[in-house]
């Protein structure tokens, strides 16, 4: 198959682009050809985006093109966000329209124009390829969108631990610029925890949190190897998500760090792992649950870490790549027998 991926230019370390590029590489390893078309509304030079991609995702071999110059005919033309769905709809390129959905994007905005524009894209009949089962079921139920999902994988080379590592701290996936990661709530919960455990180091990673009402070790943006080392030094990690869960909980599990996430259907459905700890989304519950994880006897903490490692020990991105290939093959075959009207 020839697969055209239309996406926004990535920033350094972008988790959503990392997942997309993993699927691009998986398809190419299976013998298909992918082209990545960058949809840049800000007019930056293509060379600059190419340097970012080759630097942060050196294993991506696909050709990088400018979507403004047009998308070539393909078996599949894939939107990867709501704002790329519009040019994919408008493009004259031949090919089955698919939609790589990693989160419920209308929730990224206050109720208004952008939320409505994002929501409308789910009604166009594109074949959804969703990150996890929650989005799959929700989009079909609420919008009648044909969809199938791939399961989250984990880079075991970077994150795998044994469970027996010396663990002293807690870590926090910090994204102040991303409202769905509930930064203010996370900080308030960590403040309650720090009051009870001033001796326990708190590590932040992802983005700099700026000034906080508690002492932290700020690591900023980290490479997968650096993250693996951090996870293996921590008893637990806090990851909040008001929409689809991030990749971080799986990574922490692989390293034996117990992920603490907010109680929500989308988290339970996608994670589907008994080793994940859940908390009600209040500062008091977050602080109390972190305290309970850290205060457990050493042998119980080590046993929990070991069990967490084994719970994702066979999880890799190979399965996800095979699932995406199956979805695209099925979609192309169905539309070849019943072409999309011009």
C-alpha atoms as a PDB file:
ATOM      1  CA  UNK A   1       0.000   0.000   0.000  1.00  0.00           C
ATOM      2  CA  UNK A   2       0.918   3.634  -0.506  1.00  0.00           C
ATOM      3  CA  UNK A   3      -0.024   5.578   2.656  1.00  0.00           C
ATOM      4  CA  UNK A   4      -0.051   9.380   2.853  1.00  0.00           C
ATOM      5  CA  UNK A   5       0.093  10.772   6.393  1.00  0.00           C
ATOM      6  CA  UNK A   6      -0.996  14.418   6.746  1.00  0.00           C
ATOM      7  CA  UNK A   7       0.152  15.891  10.047  1.00  0.00           C
ATOM      8  CA  UNK A   8       1.119  19.111  11.764  1.00  0.00           C
ATOM      9  CA  UNK A   9       4.878  19.695  12.144  1.00  0.00           C
ATOM     10  CA  UNK A  10       6.168  18.092  15.344  1.00  0.00           C
ATOM     11  CA  UNK A  11       7.832  19.820  18.234  1.00  0.00           C
ATOM     12  CA  UNK A  12      10.806  18.183  19.889  1.00  0.00           C
ATOM     13  CA  UNK A  13       9.805  15.040  21.779  1.00  0.00           C
ATOM     14  CA  UNK A  14       6.110  15.188  20.796  1.00  0.00           C
ATOM     15  CA  UNK A  15       4.414  12.077  22.167  1.00  0.00           C
ATOM     16  CA  UNK A  16       1.636  12.071  19.578  1.00  0.00           C
ATOM     17  CA  UNK A  17       4.096  12.282  16.719  1.00  0.00           C
ATOM     18  CA  UNK A  18       6.218   9.552  18.309  1.00  0.00           C
ATOM     19  CA  UNK A  19       3.262   7.154  18.187  1.00  0.00           C
ATOM     20  CA  UNK A  20       2.431   8.170  14.616  1.00  0.00           C
ATOM     21  CA  UNK A  21       6.033   7.728  13.467  1.00  0.00           C
ATOM     22  CA  UNK A  22       6.136   4.288  15.099  1.00  0.00           C
ATOM     23  CA  UNK A  23       3.163   3.282  12.945  1.00  0.00           C
ATOM     24  CA  UNK A  24       4.804   4.790   9.852  1.00  0.00           C
ATOM     25  CA  UNK A  25       7.928   2.716  10.491  1.00  0.00           C
ATOM     26  CA  UNK A  26       5.896  -0.419  11.218  1.00  0.00           C
ATOM     27  CA  UNK A  27       4.064  -0.106   7.889  1.00  0.00           C
ATOM     28  CA  UNK A  28       7.303   0.443   5.989  1.00  0.00           C
ATOM     29  CA  UNK A  29       8.891  -2.562   7.728  1.00  0.00           C
ATOM     30  CA  UNK A  30       5.925  -4.610   6.513  1.00  0.00           C
ATOM     31  CA  UNK A  31       6.657  -3.596   2.912  1.00  0.00           C
ATOM     32  CA  UNK A  32       4.378  -0.578   2.445  1.00  0.00           C
ATOM     33  CA  UNK A  33       5.462   2.920   1.400  1.00  0.00           C
ATOM     34  CA  UNK A  34       4.643   5.966   3.499  1.00  0.00           C
ATOM     35  CA  UNK A  35       4.946   9.663   2.761  1.00  0.00           C
ATOM     36  CA  UNK A  36       4.541  12.269   5.507  1.00  0.00           C
ATOM     37  CA  UNK A  37       2.936  15.551   4.423  1.00  0.00           C
ATOM     38  CA  UNK A  38       3.428  18.418   6.859  1.00  0.00           C
ATOM     39  CA  UNK A  39       0.496  20.808   7.133  1.00  0.00           C
ATOM     40  CA  UNK A  40       2.081  24.009   8.440  1.00  0.00           C
ATOM     41  CA  UNK A  41      -0.190  27.043   8.736  1.00  0.00           C
ATOM     42  CA  UNK A  42       2.678  29.251   9.931  1.00  0.00           C
ATOM     43  CA  UNK A  43       4.906  29.168   6.871  1.00  0.00           C
ATOM     44  CA  UNK A  44       8.098  27.680   8.345  1.00  0.00           C
ATOM     45  CA  UNK A  45      10.639  26.173   5.991  1.00  0.00           C
ATOM     46  CA  UNK A  46      10.259  22.457   5.320  1.00  0.00           C
ATOM     47  CA  UNK A  47      13.983  21.955   5.968  1.00  0.00           C
ATOM     48  CA  UNK A  48      13.561  23.094   9.572  1.00  0.00           C
ATOM     49  CA  UNK A  49      10.839  20.539  10.233  1.00  0.00           C
ATOM     50  CA  UNK A  50      12.844  17.827   8.499  1.00  0.00           C
ATOM     51  CA  UNK A  51      15.802  18.508  10.799  1.00  0.00           C
ATOM     52  CA  UNK A  52      13.567  18.155  13.854  1.00  0.00           C
ATOM     53  CA  UNK A  53      12.157  14.858  12.618  1.00  0.00           C
ATOM     54  CA  UNK A  54      15.527  13.362  11.648  1.00  0.00           C
ATOM     55  CA  UNK A  55      17.027  14.472  14.949  1.00  0.00           C
ATOM     56  CA  UNK A  56      14.307  13.227  17.319  1.00  0.00           C
ATOM     57  CA  UNK A  57      13.021  10.252  15.286  1.00  0.00           C
ATOM     58  CA  UNK A  58      16.084   9.073  13.332  1.00  0.00           C
ATOM     59  CA  UNK A  59      14.490   5.705  12.647  1.00  0.00           C
ATOM     60  CA  UNK A  60      11.800   7.296  10.423  1.00  0.00           C
ATOM     61  CA  UNK A  61      12.735   6.649   6.806  1.00  0.00           C
ATOM     62  CA  UNK A  62       9.640   8.073   5.122  1.00  0.00           C
ATOM     63  CA  UNK A  63       9.909  11.004   2.735  1.00  0.00           C
ATOM     64  CA  UNK A  64       8.807  14.331   4.235  1.00  0.00           C
ATOM     65  CA  UNK A  65       6.867  16.695   1.965  1.00  0.00           C
ATOM     66  CA  UNK A  66       4.968  19.972   2.212  1.00  0.00           C
ATOM     67  CA  UNK A  67       1.201  19.405   2.189  1.00  0.00           C
ATOM     68  CA  UNK A  68       0.710  22.864   0.643  1.00  0.00           C
ATOM     69  CA  UNK A  69       2.154  21.478  -2.583  1.00  0.00           C
ATOM     70  CA  UNK A  70      -0.525  18.826  -2.760  1.00  0.00           C
ATOM     71  CA  UNK A  71      -0.946  15.205  -1.729  1.00  0.00           C
ATOM     72  CA  UNK A  72      -0.296  12.494  -4.304  1.00  0.00           C
ATOM     73  CA  UNK A  73      -2.745   9.673  -4.984  1.00  0.00           C
ATOM     74  CA  UNK A  74      -2.403   6.838  -2.475  1.00  0.00           C
ATOM     75  CA  UNK A  75      -4.259   3.799  -1.234  1.00  0.00           C
ATOM     76  CA  UNK A  76      -4.804   5.636   2.089  1.00  0.00           C
ATOM     77  CA  UNK A  77      -4.831   9.362   2.851  1.00  0.00           C
ATOM     78  CA  UNK A  78      -4.599   9.682   6.632  1.00  0.00           C
ATOM     79  CA  UNK A  79      -5.638  12.680   8.717  1.00  0.00           C
ATOM     80  CA  UNK A  80      -3.894  12.798  12.086  1.00  0.00           C
ATOM     81  CA  UNK A  81      -5.682  15.659  13.892  1.00  0.00           C
ATOM     82  CA  UNK A  82      -8.917  17.598  13.440  1.00  0.00           C
ATOM     83  CA  UNK A  83      -7.246  20.490  11.614  1.00  0.00           C
ATOM     84  CA  UNK A  84      -5.548  18.121   9.155  1.00  0.00           C
ATOM     85  CA  UNK A  85      -8.902  16.408   8.496  1.00  0.00           C
ATOM     86  CA  UNK A  86     -10.085  19.517   6.591  1.00  0.00           C
ATOM     87  CA  UNK A  87      -7.301  19.495   3.960  1.00  0.00           C
ATOM     88  CA  UNK A  88      -7.606  15.705   3.714  1.00  0.00           C
ATOM     89  CA  UNK A  89     -11.322  16.092   2.972  1.00  0.00           C
ATOM     90  CA  UNK A  90     -10.658  18.824   0.406  1.00  0.00           C
ATOM     91  CA  UNK A  91      -7.721  17.128  -1.327  1.00  0.00           C
ATOM     92  CA  UNK A  92      -8.373  15.793  -4.853  1.00  0.00           C
ATOM     93  CA  UNK A  93      -5.952  12.915  -4.169  1.00  0.00           C
ATOM     94  CA  UNK A  94      -7.398   9.469  -4.688  1.00  0.00           C
ATOM     95  CA  UNK A  95      -7.362   7.139  -1.709  1.00  0.00           C
ATOM     96  CA  UNK A  96      -9.440   5.848   1.192  1.00  0.00           C
ATOM     97  CA  UNK A  97      -9.841   8.512   3.877  1.00  0.00           C
ATOM     98  CA  UNK A  98      -8.649   7.398   7.293  1.00  0.00           C
ATOM     99  CA  UNK A  99      -8.259   9.277  10.565  1.00  0.00           C
ATOM    100  CA  UNK A 100      -5.533   8.537  13.123  1.00  0.00           C
ATOM    101  CA  UNK A 101      -7.268   9.614  16.343  1.00  0.00           C
ATOM    102  CA  UNK A 102      -5.149   9.711  19.503  1.00  0.00           C
ATOM    103  CA  UNK A 103      -7.443  11.831  21.673  1.00  0.00           C
ATOM    104  CA  UNK A 104     -10.859  13.472  21.768  1.00  0.00           C
ATOM    105  CA  UNK A 105      -9.735  16.827  20.417  1.00  0.00           C
ATOM    106  CA  UNK A 106     -12.956  18.855  20.930  1.00  0.00           C
ATOM    107  CA  UNK A 107     -12.133  18.677  24.646  1.00  0.00           C
ATOM    108  CA  UNK A 108      -8.912  20.586  24.007  1.00  0.00           C
ATOM    109  CA  UNK A 109     -10.927  23.806  23.722  1.00  0.00           C
ATOM    110  CA  UNK A 110     -13.621  25.728  25.596  1.00  0.00           C
ATOM    111  CA  UNK A 111     -17.107  25.245  24.165  1.00  0.00           C
ATOM    112  CA  UNK A 112     -17.087  27.315  20.983  1.00  0.00           C
ATOM    113  CA  UNK A 113     -15.904  27.479  17.377  1.00  0.00           C
ATOM    114  CA  UNK A 114     -12.798  25.298  17.605  1.00  0.00           C
ATOM    115  CA  UNK A 115     -14.546  22.602  19.615  1.00  0.00           C
ATOM    116  CA  UNK A 116     -17.396  22.502  17.093  1.00  0.00           C
ATOM    117  CA  UNK A 117     -15.023  22.412  14.103  1.00  0.00           C
ATOM    118  CA  UNK A 118     -13.087  19.551  15.693  1.00  0.00           C
ATOM    119  CA  UNK A 119     -16.234  17.600  16.556  1.00  0.00           C
ATOM    120  CA  UNK A 120     -17.616  17.872  13.029  1.00  0.00           C
ATOM    121  CA  UNK A 121     -14.689  15.915  11.562  1.00  0.00           C
ATOM    122  CA  UNK A 122     -15.889  12.733  13.270  1.00  0.00           C
ATOM    123  CA  UNK A 123     -19.077  12.777  11.173  1.00  0.00           C
ATOM    124  CA  UNK A 124     -17.436  12.614   7.753  1.00  0.00           C
ATOM    125  CA  UNK A 125     -17.227   8.851   7.439  1.00  0.00           C
ATOM    126  CA  UNK A 126     -13.435   8.581   7.591  1.00  0.00           C
ATOM    127  CA  UNK A 127     -12.239   5.223   8.912  1.00  0.00           C
ATOM    128  CA  UNK A 128     -11.020   5.830  12.436  1.00  0.00           C
ATOM    129  CA  UNK A 129      -7.748   4.298  13.611  1.00  0.00           C
ATOM    130  CA  UNK A 130      -7.788   5.060  17.319  1.00  0.00           C
ATOM    131  CA  UNK A 131      -5.258   4.891  20.122  1.00  0.00           C
ATOM    132  CA  UNK A 132      -6.951   2.478  22.505  1.00  0.00           C
ATOM    133  CA  UNK A 133     -10.445   1.042  22.810  1.00  0.00           C
ATOM    134  CA  UNK A 134     -12.100   3.975  24.590  1.00  0.00           C
ATOM    135  CA  UNK A 135     -11.938   6.288  21.563  1.00  0.00           C
ATOM    136  CA  UNK A 136     -13.003   3.486  19.234  1.00  0.00           C
ATOM    137  CA  UNK A 137     -16.221   2.811  21.156  1.00  0.00           C
ATOM    138  CA  UNK A 138     -16.992   6.457  21.940  1.00  0.00           C
ATOM    139  CA  UNK A 139     -16.629   7.716  18.367  1.00  0.00           C
ATOM    140  CA  UNK A 140     -18.831   4.949  16.995  1.00  0.00           C
ATOM    141  CA  UNK A 141     -21.456   5.467  19.716  1.00  0.00           C
ATOM    142  CA  UNK A 142     -21.586   9.276  19.674  1.00  0.00           C
ATOM    143  CA  UNK A 143     -20.837  10.084  16.020  1.00  0.00           C
ATOM    144  CA  UNK A 144     -21.502   6.928  14.034  1.00  0.00           C
ATOM    145  CA  UNK A 145     -17.849   6.990  12.953  1.00  0.00           C
ATOM    146  CA  UNK A 146     -16.514   3.654  11.663  1.00  0.00           C
ATOM    147  CA  UNK A 147     -13.518   2.936  13.868  1.00  0.00           C
ATOM    148  CA  UNK A 148     -11.119   0.290  15.060  1.00  0.00           C
ATOM    149  CA  UNK A 149      -8.267   0.634  17.524  1.00  0.00           C
ATOM    150  CA  UNK A 150      -4.695  -0.345  18.187  1.00  0.00           C
ATOM    151  CA  UNK A 151      -3.402  -1.128  21.660  1.00  0.00           C
ATOM    152  CA  UNK A 152      -0.709   0.967  23.305  1.00  0.00           C
ATOM    153  CA  UNK A 153       2.779  -0.455  23.184  1.00  0.00           C
ATOM    154  CA  UNK A 154       5.886   0.227  25.237  1.00  0.00           C
ATOM    155  CA  UNK A 155       9.562   0.709  24.366  1.00  0.00           C
ATOM    156  CA  UNK A 156      10.957  -1.976  26.644  1.00  0.00           C
ATOM    157  CA  UNK A 157      14.536  -1.264  25.567  1.00  0.00           C
ATOM    158  CA  UNK A 158      14.303   2.183  27.167  1.00  0.00           C
ATOM    159  CA  UNK A 159      12.014   1.577  30.125  1.00  0.00           C
ATOM    160  CA  UNK A 160      12.269  -2.029  31.321  1.00  0.00           C
ATOM    161  CA  UNK A 161      13.269  -2.553  34.951  1.00  0.00           C
ATOM    162  CA  UNK A 162      13.478  -5.524  37.303  1.00  0.00           C
ATOM    163  CA  UNK A 163      11.417  -4.201  40.204  1.00  0.00           C
ATOM    164  CA  UNK A 164      14.329  -4.490  42.633  1.00  0.00           C
ATOM    165  CA  UNK A 165      15.883  -1.081  41.934  1.00  0.00           C
ATOM    166  CA  UNK A 166      16.470   1.310  44.806  1.00  0.00           C
ATOM    167  CA  UNK A 167      13.528   3.710  44.787  1.00  0.00           C
ATOM    168  CA  UNK A 168      13.219   6.867  46.830  1.00  0.00           C
ATOM    169  CA  UNK A 169      11.155   9.493  45.022  1.00  0.00           C
ATOM    170  CA  UNK A 170       7.976  10.211  43.110  1.00  0.00           C
ATOM    171  CA  UNK A 171       7.761  11.784  39.667  1.00  0.00           C
ATOM    172  CA  UNK A 172       5.156  13.946  37.959  1.00  0.00           C
ATOM    173  CA  UNK A 173       4.362  14.251  34.243  1.00  0.00           C
ATOM    174  CA  UNK A 174       4.221  18.038  34.047  1.00  0.00           C
ATOM    175  CA  UNK A 175       2.495  19.773  31.131  1.00  0.00           C
ATOM    176  CA  UNK A 176       1.315  23.268  32.181  1.00  0.00           C
ATOM    177  CA  UNK A 177       0.643  24.225  28.541  1.00  0.00           C
ATOM    178  CA  UNK A 178      -1.771  21.309  28.051  1.00  0.00           C
ATOM    179  CA  UNK A 179      -5.011  21.825  30.012  1.00  0.00           C
ATOM    180  CA  UNK A 180      -6.094  18.189  29.637  1.00  0.00           C
ATOM    181  CA  UNK A 181      -3.118  17.162  31.813  1.00  0.00           C
ATOM    182  CA  UNK A 182      -4.695  19.022  34.771  1.00  0.00           C
ATOM    183  CA  UNK A 183      -1.500  20.727  35.914  1.00  0.00           C
ATOM    184  CA  UNK A 184      -3.071  22.894  38.627  1.00  0.00           C
ATOM    185  CA  UNK A 185      -4.743  19.859  40.176  1.00  0.00           C
ATOM    186  CA  UNK A 186      -1.498  17.887  40.037  1.00  0.00           C
ATOM    187  CA  UNK A 187       0.462  20.634  41.778  1.00  0.00           C
ATOM    188  CA  UNK A 188      -2.183  20.970  44.493  1.00  0.00           C
ATOM    189  CA  UNK A 189      -2.048  17.213  45.123  1.00  0.00           C
ATOM    190  CA  UNK A 190       1.741  17.197  45.237  1.00  0.00           C
ATOM    191  CA  UNK A 191       1.663  20.069  47.707  1.00  0.00           C
ATOM    192  CA  UNK A 192      -0.485  17.977  50.064  1.00  0.00           C
ATOM    193  CA  UNK A 193       1.892  15.036  49.606  1.00  0.00           C
ATOM    194  CA  UNK A 194       4.980  17.176  50.273  1.00  0.00           C
ATOM    195  CA  UNK A 195       3.510  18.422  53.534  1.00  0.00           C
ATOM    196  CA  UNK A 196       3.343  14.835  54.768  1.00  0.00           C
ATOM    197  CA  UNK A 197       6.605  13.625  53.186  1.00  0.00           C
ATOM    198  CA  UNK A 198       9.118  16.458  53.083  1.00  0.00           C
ATOM    199  CA  UNK A 199      11.926  13.872  52.958  1.00  0.00           C
ATOM    200  CA  UNK A 200      10.740  12.361  49.636  1.00  0.00           C
ATOM    201  CA  UNK A 201      12.174  13.950  46.463  1.00  0.00           C
ATOM    202  CA  UNK A 202       9.610  15.006  43.870  1.00  0.00           C
ATOM    203  CA  UNK A 203      10.773  14.986  40.243  1.00  0.00           C
ATOM    204  CA  UNK A 204       8.986  16.821  37.420  1.00  0.00           C
ATOM    205  CA  UNK A 205       9.485  16.086  33.728  1.00  0.00           C
ATOM    206  CA  UNK A 206       7.927  17.062  30.408  1.00  0.00           C
ATOM    207  CA  UNK A 207       7.820  20.850  30.703  1.00  0.00           C
ATOM    208  CA  UNK A 208       9.266  23.199  33.253  1.00  0.00           C
ATOM    209  CA  UNK A 209       6.630  23.898  35.922  1.00  0.00           C
ATOM    210  CA  UNK A 210       7.896  27.397  36.684  1.00  0.00           C
ATOM    211  CA  UNK A 211       7.611  28.582  40.280  1.00  0.00           C
ATOM    212  CA  UNK A 212       5.862  26.090  42.564  1.00  0.00           C
ATOM    213  CA  UNK A 213       4.753  26.182  46.210  1.00  0.00           C
ATOM    214  CA  UNK A 214       6.883  23.092  46.939  1.00  0.00           C
ATOM    215  CA  UNK A 215      10.461  21.958  46.261  1.00  0.00           C
ATOM    216  CA  UNK A 216      10.944  19.792  43.165  1.00  0.00           C
ATOM    217  CA  UNK A 217      13.764  18.529  40.966  1.00  0.00           C
ATOM    218  CA  UNK A 218      12.858  19.819  37.499  1.00  0.00           C
ATOM    219  CA  UNK A 219      14.193  17.656  34.629  1.00  0.00           C
ATOM    220  CA  UNK A 220      12.294  19.285  31.756  1.00  0.00           C
ATOM    221  CA  UNK A 221      12.188  17.455  28.434  1.00  0.00           C
ATOM    222  CA  UNK A 222      13.971  14.098  28.686  1.00  0.00           C
ATOM    223  CA  UNK A 223      15.020  11.380  26.240  1.00  0.00           C
ATOM    224  CA  UNK A 224      13.490   7.896  26.608  1.00  0.00           C
ATOM    225  CA  UNK A 225      16.721   6.590  28.165  1.00  0.00           C
ATOM    226  CA  UNK A 226      16.758   9.432  30.701  1.00  0.00           C
ATOM    227  CA  UNK A 227      13.098   8.818  31.487  1.00  0.00           C
ATOM    228  CA  UNK A 228      13.770   5.126  32.050  1.00  0.00           C
ATOM    229  CA  UNK A 229      16.455   5.988  34.583  1.00  0.00           C
ATOM    230  CA  UNK A 230      14.100   8.410  36.350  1.00  0.00           C
ATOM    231  CA  UNK A 231      11.203   5.929  36.513  1.00  0.00           C
ATOM    232  CA  UNK A 232      13.475   3.242  37.946  1.00  0.00           C
ATOM    233  CA  UNK A 233      14.444   5.587  40.784  1.00  0.00           C
ATOM    234  CA  UNK A 234      10.846   6.336  41.816  1.00  0.00           C
ATOM    235  CA  UNK A 235       8.228   4.491  43.828  1.00  0.00           C
ATOM    236  CA  UNK A 236       5.311   6.100  42.007  1.00  0.00           C
ATOM    237  CA  UNK A 237       4.499   8.605  39.291  1.00  0.00           C
ATOM    238  CA  UNK A 238       1.575  11.002  38.934  1.00  0.00           C
ATOM    239  CA  UNK A 239      -0.073  11.293  35.507  1.00  0.00           C
ATOM    240  CA  UNK A 240      -3.390  13.102  35.210  1.00  0.00           C
ATOM    241  CA  UNK A 241      -5.507  13.125  32.058  1.00  0.00           C
ATOM    242  CA  UNK A 242      -8.948  14.621  31.495  1.00  0.00           C
ATOM    243  CA  UNK A 243      -9.165  12.878  28.100  1.00  0.00           C
ATOM    244  CA  UNK A 244      -7.457   9.843  26.573  1.00  0.00           C
ATOM    245  CA  UNK A 245      -4.606   8.565  28.710  1.00  0.00           C
ATOM    246  CA  UNK A 246      -0.996   9.230  27.696  1.00  0.00           C
ATOM    247  CA  UNK A 247       1.746   6.679  26.981  1.00  0.00           C
ATOM    248  CA  UNK A 248       3.486   7.489  30.264  1.00  0.00           C
ATOM    249  CA  UNK A 249       1.661   4.984  32.547  1.00  0.00           C
ATOM    250  CA  UNK A 250       2.771   2.044  30.385  1.00  0.00           C
ATOM    251  CA  UNK A 251       6.330   3.309  30.414  1.00  0.00           C
ATOM    252  CA  UNK A 252       6.286   3.638  34.205  1.00  0.00           C
ATOM    253  CA  UNK A 253       4.867   0.142  34.644  1.00  0.00           C
ATOM    254  CA  UNK A 254       7.679  -1.310  32.533  1.00  0.00           C
ATOM    255  CA  UNK A 255      10.191   0.379  34.840  1.00  0.00           C
ATOM    256  CA  UNK A 256       8.457  -0.783  38.032  1.00  0.00           C
ATOM    257  CA  UNK A 257       7.198   2.701  38.920  1.00  0.00           C
ATOM    258  CA  UNK A 258       3.534   2.597  39.976  1.00  0.00           C
ATOM    259  CA  UNK A 259       1.504   5.090  37.910  1.00  0.00           C
ATOM    260  CA  UNK A 260      -1.151   7.074  39.780  1.00  0.00           C
ATOM    261  CA  UNK A 261      -3.903   8.323  37.461  1.00  0.00           C
ATOM    262  CA  UNK A 262      -7.257   9.979  37.981  1.00  0.00           C
ATOM    263  CA  UNK A 263     -10.340   7.790  38.188  1.00  0.00           C
ATOM    264  CA  UNK A 264     -12.028   7.906  34.758  1.00  0.00           C
ATOM    265  CA  UNK A 265     -13.541   5.514  32.252  1.00  0.00           C
ATOM    266  CA  UNK A 266     -11.063   6.472  29.527  1.00  0.00           C
ATOM    267  CA  UNK A 267      -8.121   5.664  31.812  1.00  0.00           C
ATOM    268  CA  UNK A 268      -9.447   2.295  32.994  1.00  0.00           C
ATOM    269  CA  UNK A 269     -10.499   1.124  29.523  1.00  0.00           C
ATOM    270  CA  UNK A 270      -7.184   1.936  27.832  1.00  0.00           C
ATOM    271  CA  UNK A 271      -4.805   0.950  30.625  1.00  0.00           C
ATOM    272  CA  UNK A 272      -6.642  -2.247  31.613  1.00  0.00           C
ATOM    273  CA  UNK A 273      -3.917  -3.097  34.136  1.00  0.00           C
ATOM    274  CA  UNK A 274      -4.455  -4.027  37.779  1.00  0.00           C
ATOM    275  CA  UNK A 275      -1.102  -2.538  38.797  1.00  0.00           C
ATOM    276  CA  UNK A 276      -2.220   1.025  38.037  1.00  0.00           C
ATOM    277  CA  UNK A 277      -3.258   3.071  41.087  1.00  0.00           C
ATOM    278  CA  UNK A 278      -6.318   5.311  40.794  1.00  0.00           C
ATOM    279  CA  UNK A 279      -7.350   8.399  42.704  1.00  0.00           C
ATOM    280  CA  UNK A 280     -10.331  10.693  42.791  1.00  0.00           C
ATOM    281  CA  UNK A 281      -9.370  13.990  41.108  1.00  0.00           C
ATOM    282  CA  UNK A 282      -9.026  16.123  44.241  1.00  0.00           C
ATOM    283  CA  UNK A 283      -5.837  17.486  45.849  1.00  0.00           C
ATOM    284  CA  UNK A 284      -6.586  15.607  49.071  1.00  0.00           C
ATOM    285  CA  UNK A 285      -7.110  12.233  47.395  1.00  0.00           C
ATOM    286  CA  UNK A 286      -4.007  12.634  45.217  1.00  0.00           C
ATOM    287  CA  UNK A 287      -1.863  13.505  48.227  1.00  0.00           C
ATOM    288  CA  UNK A 288      -3.314  10.670  50.312  1.00  0.00           C
ATOM    289  CA  UNK A 289      -2.860   8.031  47.594  1.00  0.00           C
ATOM    290  CA  UNK A 290       0.738   9.057  46.869  1.00  0.00           C
ATOM    291  CA  UNK A 291       1.405   8.939  50.603  1.00  0.00           C
ATOM    292  CA  UNK A 292      -0.008   5.416  50.834  1.00  0.00           C
ATOM    293  CA  UNK A 293       2.167   4.196  47.950  1.00  0.00           C
ATOM    294  CA  UNK A 294       5.341   5.690  49.388  1.00  0.00           C
ATOM    295  CA  UNK A 295       4.613   4.605  52.979  1.00  0.00           C
ATOM    296  CA  UNK A 296       4.059   0.932  52.194  1.00  0.00           C
ATOM    297  CA  UNK A 297       6.650  -1.467  53.689  1.00  0.00           C
ATOM    298  CA  UNK A 298       9.754  -1.913  51.550  1.00  0.00           C
ATOM    299  CA  UNK A 299       9.006  -5.548  50.710  1.00  0.00           C
ATOM    300  CA  UNK A 300       5.501  -4.644  49.562  1.00  0.00           C
ATOM    301  CA  UNK A 301       6.819  -1.795  47.385  1.00  0.00           C
ATOM    302  CA  UNK A 302       9.379  -4.103  45.773  1.00  0.00           C
ATOM    303  CA  UNK A 303       6.758  -6.776  45.145  1.00  0.00           C
ATOM    304  CA  UNK A 304       4.458  -4.181  43.544  1.00  0.00           C
ATOM    305  CA  UNK A 305       7.296  -2.919  41.339  1.00  0.00           C
ATOM    306  CA  UNK A 306       8.182  -6.443  40.205  1.00  0.00           C
ATOM    307  CA  UNK A 307       4.554  -7.259  39.418  1.00  0.00           C
ATOM    308  CA  UNK A 308       4.234  -3.997  37.462  1.00  0.00           C
ATOM    309  CA  UNK A 309       7.285  -4.865  35.347  1.00  0.00           C
ATOM    310  CA  UNK A 310       5.902  -8.312  34.517  1.00  0.00           C
ATOM    311  CA  UNK A 311       2.447  -6.894  33.706  1.00  0.00           C
ATOM    312  CA  UNK A 312       3.787  -5.209  30.560  1.00  0.00           C
ATOM    313  CA  UNK A 313       6.745  -7.493  29.904  1.00  0.00           C
ATOM    314  CA  UNK A 314       5.327  -8.730  26.589  1.00  0.00           C
ATOM    315  CA  UNK A 315       3.979  -5.348  25.475  1.00  0.00           C
ATOM    316  CA  UNK A 316       5.730  -3.911  22.429  1.00  0.00           C
ATOM    317  CA  UNK A 317       4.804  -1.660  19.521  1.00  0.00           C
ATOM    318  CA  UNK A 318       4.993  -4.561  17.046  1.00  0.00           C
ATOM    319  CA  UNK A 319       1.440  -5.627  17.863  1.00  0.00           C
ATOM    320  CA  UNK A 320       0.150  -2.084  17.440  1.00  0.00           C
ATOM    321  CA  UNK A 321       1.811  -1.831  14.035  1.00  0.00           C
ATOM    322  CA  UNK A 322       0.184  -5.089  12.926  1.00  0.00           C
ATOM    323  CA  UNK A 323      -3.207  -3.871  14.134  1.00  0.00           C
ATOM    324  CA  UNK A 324      -2.896  -0.627  12.168  1.00  0.00           C
ATOM    325  CA  UNK A 325      -1.833  -2.504   9.026  1.00  0.00           C
ATOM    326  CA  UNK A 326      -4.871  -4.793   9.359  1.00  0.00           C
ATOM    327  CA  UNK A 327      -7.256  -1.828   9.718  1.00  0.00           C
ATOM    328  CA  UNK A 328      -5.814  -0.092   6.644  1.00  0.00           C
ATOM    329  CA  UNK A 329      -5.814  -3.273   4.528  1.00  0.00           C
ATOM    330  CA  UNK A 330      -9.449  -3.953   5.415  1.00  0.00           C
ATOM    331  CA  UNK A 331     -10.450  -0.368   4.643  1.00  0.00           C
ATOM    332  CA  UNK A 332      -8.668  -0.289   1.277  1.00  0.00           C
ATOM    333  CA  UNK A 333     -10.090  -3.647   0.213  1.00  0.00           C
ATOM    334  CA  UNK A 334     -13.623  -2.567   1.127  1.00  0.00           C
ATOM    335  CA  UNK A 335     -13.365   0.688  -0.796  1.00  0.00           C
ATOM    336  CA  UNK A 336     -11.791  -0.907  -3.848  1.00  0.00           C
ATOM    337  CA  UNK A 337     -14.917  -3.015  -4.231  1.00  0.00           C
ATOM    338  CA  UNK A 338     -17.113   0.023  -3.469  1.00  0.00           C
ATOM    339  CA  UNK A 339     -15.194   3.184  -4.500  1.00  0.00           C
ATOM    340  CA  UNK A 340     -15.683   6.547  -2.800  1.00  0.00           C
ATOM    341  CA  UNK A 341     -17.912   8.731  -5.012  1.00  0.00           C
ATOM    342  CA  UNK A 342     -16.112  11.596  -6.725  1.00  0.00           C
END
